[in-house]
Amino acid sequence: MSEPSRPLVAIIDYGIGNMRSAQKSLERAGADARLTGDLGLISDAAGVVLPGVGHFQSCMGQLRSAGLADMALGAVESDRPFLGICVGMQMLFEGSEEAPGVEGLGVFPGLSRRIETSLPLPHMQWNRLDVARPKSALLDGMDGEVWMYFVHSYSADTEDEFVVATAEYEADVTAMVQRGDSVWATQFHPEKSGDRGLRLITNFVTACASDEEAPR
């Protein structure tokens, strides 16, 4: 019996931060994961991941200067599985208070706003998800409490219909969003979140494999 195919997942590499941890987690979950800025490879991929660390303005500037902003939007609109992680999630919104006047990708409505809390920022710890949409495909198989690892100071302020989960850090922070059946984003780092994070990534890879095999 032949081994199941490993779906090609493109991790958009625009020169920001260490993306190897995301790549390793995707590989562990069964993907052929490639760090790439190659437009053809991103177009051919069964799924696309947009990671991000650091400052919103730097990330958006680098994404645009690398010529990859339109490619990211094209991947979203293609209905292939798409996952934004950390600042990669914030970039999917219209903008951020961290960089007034810098436009995001506008996939989701709303802005990322500084967390209103007297607690230390960044919010850097494990935190429990309060799940609003338990039937989200990326949370499949996660019964009981779900804890994920966060490192951020800004939280997306968006419409409730897009919110999959929140977390409490004195204030509620948006932990995970979803648009339709193919676009997800997490403020937490699933690649740093142990077994639960790996399960989420495995669910994403499963969605990529299913999409790859679907008739066109």
Protein backbone atom coordinates (compact mmCIF):
# COMPACT_ATOMS: atom_id res chain seq x y z
CA MET A 1 0.00 0.00 0.00
CA SER A 2 1.41 3.42 -0.97
CA GLU A 3 1.88 6.10 1.63
CA PRO A 4 -0.65 8.96 1.62
CA SER A 5 0.50 12.04 -0.26
CA ARG A 6 1.84 14.97 1.71
CA PRO A 7 -0.06 18.10 0.66
CA LEU A 8 2.11 21.01 -0.42
CA VAL A 9 1.76 23.89 2.05
CA ALA A 10 3.43 27.20 1.21
CA ILE A 11 4.61 29.31 4.15
CA ILE A 12 4.89 32.83 2.78
CA ASP A 13 8.48 33.91 3.42
CA TYR A 14 8.80 37.69 3.27
CA GLY A 15 11.93 38.03 5.38
CA ILE A 16 10.44 38.57 8.84
CA GLY A 17 11.39 36.46 11.86
CA ASN A 18 12.07 32.79 12.34
CA MET A 19 9.51 30.76 10.40
CA ARG A 20 11.23 27.41 10.81
CA SER A 21 9.12 26.44 13.84
CA ALA A 22 5.95 26.74 11.77
CA GLN A 23 7.53 24.72 8.99
CA LYS A 24 8.63 21.96 11.37
CA SER A 25 5.15 21.70 12.90
CA LEU A 26 3.52 21.46 9.48
CA GLU A 27 6.01 18.76 8.45
CA ARG A 28 5.32 16.86 11.65
CA ALA A 29 1.60 17.07 10.85
CA GLY A 30 2.17 15.45 7.46
CA ALA A 31 2.64 18.37 5.07
CA ASP A 32 5.28 19.03 2.45
CA ALA A 33 5.88 22.47 3.95
CA ARG A 34 7.99 25.00 2.02
CA LEU A 35 9.24 28.41 3.16
CA THR A 36 8.92 30.36 -0.05
CA GLY A 37 8.47 33.67 -1.77
CA ASP A 38 8.08 31.98 -5.15
CA LEU A 39 4.78 33.07 -6.71
CA GLY A 40 4.42 29.90 -8.75
CA LEU A 41 4.94 27.63 -5.78
CA ILE A 42 2.45 29.59 -3.67
CA SER A 43 -0.07 29.37 -6.52
CA ASP A 44 0.39 25.60 -6.78
CA ALA A 45 0.19 24.90 -3.03
CA ALA A 46 -2.76 23.07 -1.54
CA GLY A 47 -2.69 25.45 1.42
CA VAL A 48 -1.00 28.68 2.43
CA VAL A 49 0.27 29.95 5.79
CA LEU A 50 1.03 33.60 6.63
CA PRO A 51 3.11 33.85 9.81
CA GLY A 52 4.28 37.08 11.41
CA VAL A 53 6.26 38.36 14.38
CA GLY A 54 7.25 41.83 15.51
CA HIS A 55 5.79 45.16 14.45
CA PHE A 56 2.71 45.43 12.22
CA GLN A 57 4.24 48.14 10.04
CA SER A 58 7.43 46.16 9.44
CA CYS A 59 5.51 43.02 8.52
CA MET A 60 3.15 44.78 6.11
CA GLY A 61 6.02 46.76 4.60
CA GLN A 62 8.10 43.66 4.01
CA LEU A 63 5.14 41.72 2.60
CA ARG A 64 4.40 44.49 0.11
CA SER A 65 8.03 45.19 -0.82
CA ALA A 66 8.50 41.47 -1.51
CA GLY A 67 5.56 41.61 -3.92
CA LEU A 68 3.62 39.05 -1.87
CA ALA A 69 0.63 41.02 -0.56
CA ASP A 70 -1.47 40.43 -3.69
CA MET A 71 -0.39 36.79 -3.73
CA ALA A 72 -1.61 36.37 -0.14
CA LEU A 73 -4.95 37.93 -1.06
CA GLY A 74 -5.18 35.72 -4.13
CA ALA A 75 -4.59 32.64 -2.00
CA VAL A 76 -7.39 33.72 0.35
CA GLU A 77 -9.81 34.31 -2.52
CA SER A 78 -8.93 30.97 -4.16
CA ASP A 79 -10.75 29.16 -1.33
CA ARG A 80 -7.70 27.03 -0.60
CA PRO A 81 -7.05 26.51 3.12
CA PHE A 82 -5.29 29.60 4.48
CA LEU A 83 -3.92 30.14 7.99
CA GLY A 84 -2.60 33.37 9.52
CA ILE A 85 -0.51 33.14 12.69
CA CYS A 86 0.15 35.88 15.30
CA VAL A 87 0.98 39.13 13.43
CA GLY A 88 0.01 37.14 10.34
CA MET A 89 -3.52 37.17 11.80
CA GLN A 90 -3.39 40.92 12.49
CA MET A 91 -2.26 41.55 8.90
CA LEU A 92 -5.52 40.03 7.66
CA PHE A 93 -7.46 42.91 9.22
CA GLU A 94 -7.89 46.44 7.88
CA GLY A 95 -5.13 47.88 10.02
CA SER A 96 -3.65 48.16 13.50
CA GLU A 97 -3.39 50.82 16.18
CA GLU A 98 0.27 49.84 16.33
CA ALA A 99 0.80 51.54 12.96
CA PRO A 100 -1.87 54.16 12.21
CA GLY A 101 -2.29 54.76 8.51
CA VAL A 102 -0.72 51.45 7.46
CA GLU A 103 -3.28 49.35 5.63
CA GLY A 104 -3.68 45.67 6.33
CA LEU A 105 -4.94 43.12 3.83
CA GLY A 106 -8.61 43.68 4.74
CA VAL A 107 -9.65 40.03 4.63
CA PHE A 108 -11.52 40.58 7.91
CA PRO A 109 -13.25 43.81 8.95
CA GLY A 110 -11.87 45.74 11.91
CA LEU A 111 -8.60 46.76 13.48
CA SER A 112 -6.10 45.27 15.89
CA ARG A 113 -6.14 47.35 19.08
CA ARG A 114 -3.80 47.47 22.06
CA ILE A 115 -5.13 45.24 24.83
CA GLU A 116 -6.80 47.32 27.54
CA THR A 117 -5.31 45.80 30.67
CA SER A 118 -3.35 46.71 33.78
CA LEU A 119 -1.44 43.44 33.40
CA PRO A 120 2.01 43.35 31.77
CA LEU A 121 2.24 43.55 28.01
CA PRO A 122 3.00 41.67 25.90
CA HIS A 123 0.50 39.03 26.94
CA MET A 124 3.06 36.22 27.00
CA GLN A 125 1.78 32.99 28.53
CA TRP A 126 -0.37 29.92 28.11
CA ASN A 127 -4.05 30.81 28.14
CA ARG A 128 -7.32 28.90 27.91
CA LEU A 129 -9.52 29.40 24.89
CA ASP A 130 -13.16 30.31 25.36
CA VAL A 131 -14.57 28.69 22.24
CA ALA A 132 -17.52 30.36 20.54
CA ARG A 133 -17.57 28.09 17.46
CA PRO A 134 -16.71 24.55 18.59
CA LYS A 135 -17.53 23.17 15.14
CA SER A 136 -14.67 25.04 13.49
CA ALA A 137 -12.73 22.43 11.49
CA LEU A 138 -9.39 23.40 13.05
CA LEU A 139 -10.73 22.59 16.53
CA ASP A 140 -11.92 19.13 15.53
CA GLY A 141 -11.15 16.52 18.19
CA MET A 142 -10.40 19.07 20.94
CA ASP A 143 -12.75 18.13 23.73
CA GLY A 144 -12.35 19.70 27.16
CA GLU A 145 -10.20 22.71 27.92
CA VAL A 146 -7.92 24.01 25.17
CA TRP A 147 -4.78 25.91 26.18
CA MET A 148 -2.56 27.73 23.69
CA TYR A 149 0.57 29.87 23.93
CA PHE A 150 0.30 33.63 23.28
CA VAL A 151 2.85 36.41 22.71
CA HIS A 152 1.17 39.71 21.71
CA SER A 153 0.08 43.18 22.80
CA TYR A 154 -2.67 43.79 20.22
CA SER A 155 -5.99 42.06 19.73
CA ALA A 156 -8.31 42.10 16.74
CA ASP A 157 -11.53 44.05 17.21
CA THR A 158 -13.95 42.53 14.73
CA GLU A 159 -17.51 41.34 14.23
CA ASP A 160 -18.70 38.43 16.37
CA GLU A 161 -19.58 36.33 13.32
CA PHE A 162 -15.87 35.85 12.57
CA VAL A 163 -14.72 35.02 16.11
CA VAL A 164 -14.02 31.34 16.79
CA ALA A 165 -12.44 31.78 20.24
CA THR A 166 -11.33 34.38 22.75
CA ALA A 167 -9.01 34.30 25.75
CA GLU A 168 -9.11 36.33 28.95
CA TYR A 169 -6.25 38.61 29.90
CA GLU A 170 -8.18 40.89 32.24
CA ALA A 171 -9.92 41.92 29.02
CA ASP A 172 -11.17 39.53 26.36
CA VAL A 173 -8.73 39.11 23.49
CA THR A 174 -9.58 37.65 20.10
CA ALA A 175 -7.72 34.36 19.91
CA MET A 176 -8.98 32.84 16.66
CA VAL A 177 -11.06 33.93 13.69
CA GLN A 178 -12.52 32.25 10.63
CA ARG A 179 -14.02 33.38 7.31
CA GLY A 180 -16.07 30.86 5.40
CA ASP A 181 -14.75 27.31 5.38
CA SER A 182 -11.19 27.96 4.27
CA VAL A 183 -9.68 31.00 6.02
CA TRP A 184 -8.50 30.80 9.61
CA ALA A 185 -6.18 32.87 11.77
CA THR A 186 -4.83 32.47 15.28
CA GLN A 187 -3.39 35.11 17.59
CA PHE A 188 -1.68 32.33 19.55
CA HIS A 189 1.21 30.28 18.22
CA PRO A 190 -0.05 26.75 17.48
CA GLU A 191 3.50 25.69 16.60
CA LYS A 192 4.52 26.49 20.20
CA SER A 193 1.40 25.09 21.87
CA GLY A 194 2.21 21.43 22.46
CA ASP A 195 -0.21 18.64 21.59
CA ARG A 196 -3.23 20.93 21.20
CA GLY A 197 -1.35 23.20 18.83
CA LEU A 198 -0.15 20.23 16.82
CA ARG A 199 -3.72 18.96 16.60
CA LEU A 200 -4.84 22.30 15.18
CA ILE A 201 -2.04 22.23 12.62
CA THR A 202 -2.85 18.61 11.75
CA ASN A 203 -6.47 19.62 11.18
CA PHE A 204 -5.24 22.35 8.84
CA VAL A 205 -3.06 19.89 6.92
CA THR A 206 -6.05 17.52 6.67
CA ALA A 207 -8.09 20.36 5.18
CA CYS A 208 -5.27 20.99 2.68
CA ALA A 209 -5.17 17.31 1.69
CA SER A 210 -8.95 17.20 1.25
CA ASP A 211 -8.91 20.33 -0.88
CA GLU A 212 -6.05 18.97 -3.00
CA GLU A 213 -8.00 15.80 -3.72
CA ALA A 214 -11.32 17.53 -4.44
CA PRO A 215 -12.46 17.54 -8.09
CA ARG A 216 -11.99 20.86 -9.87
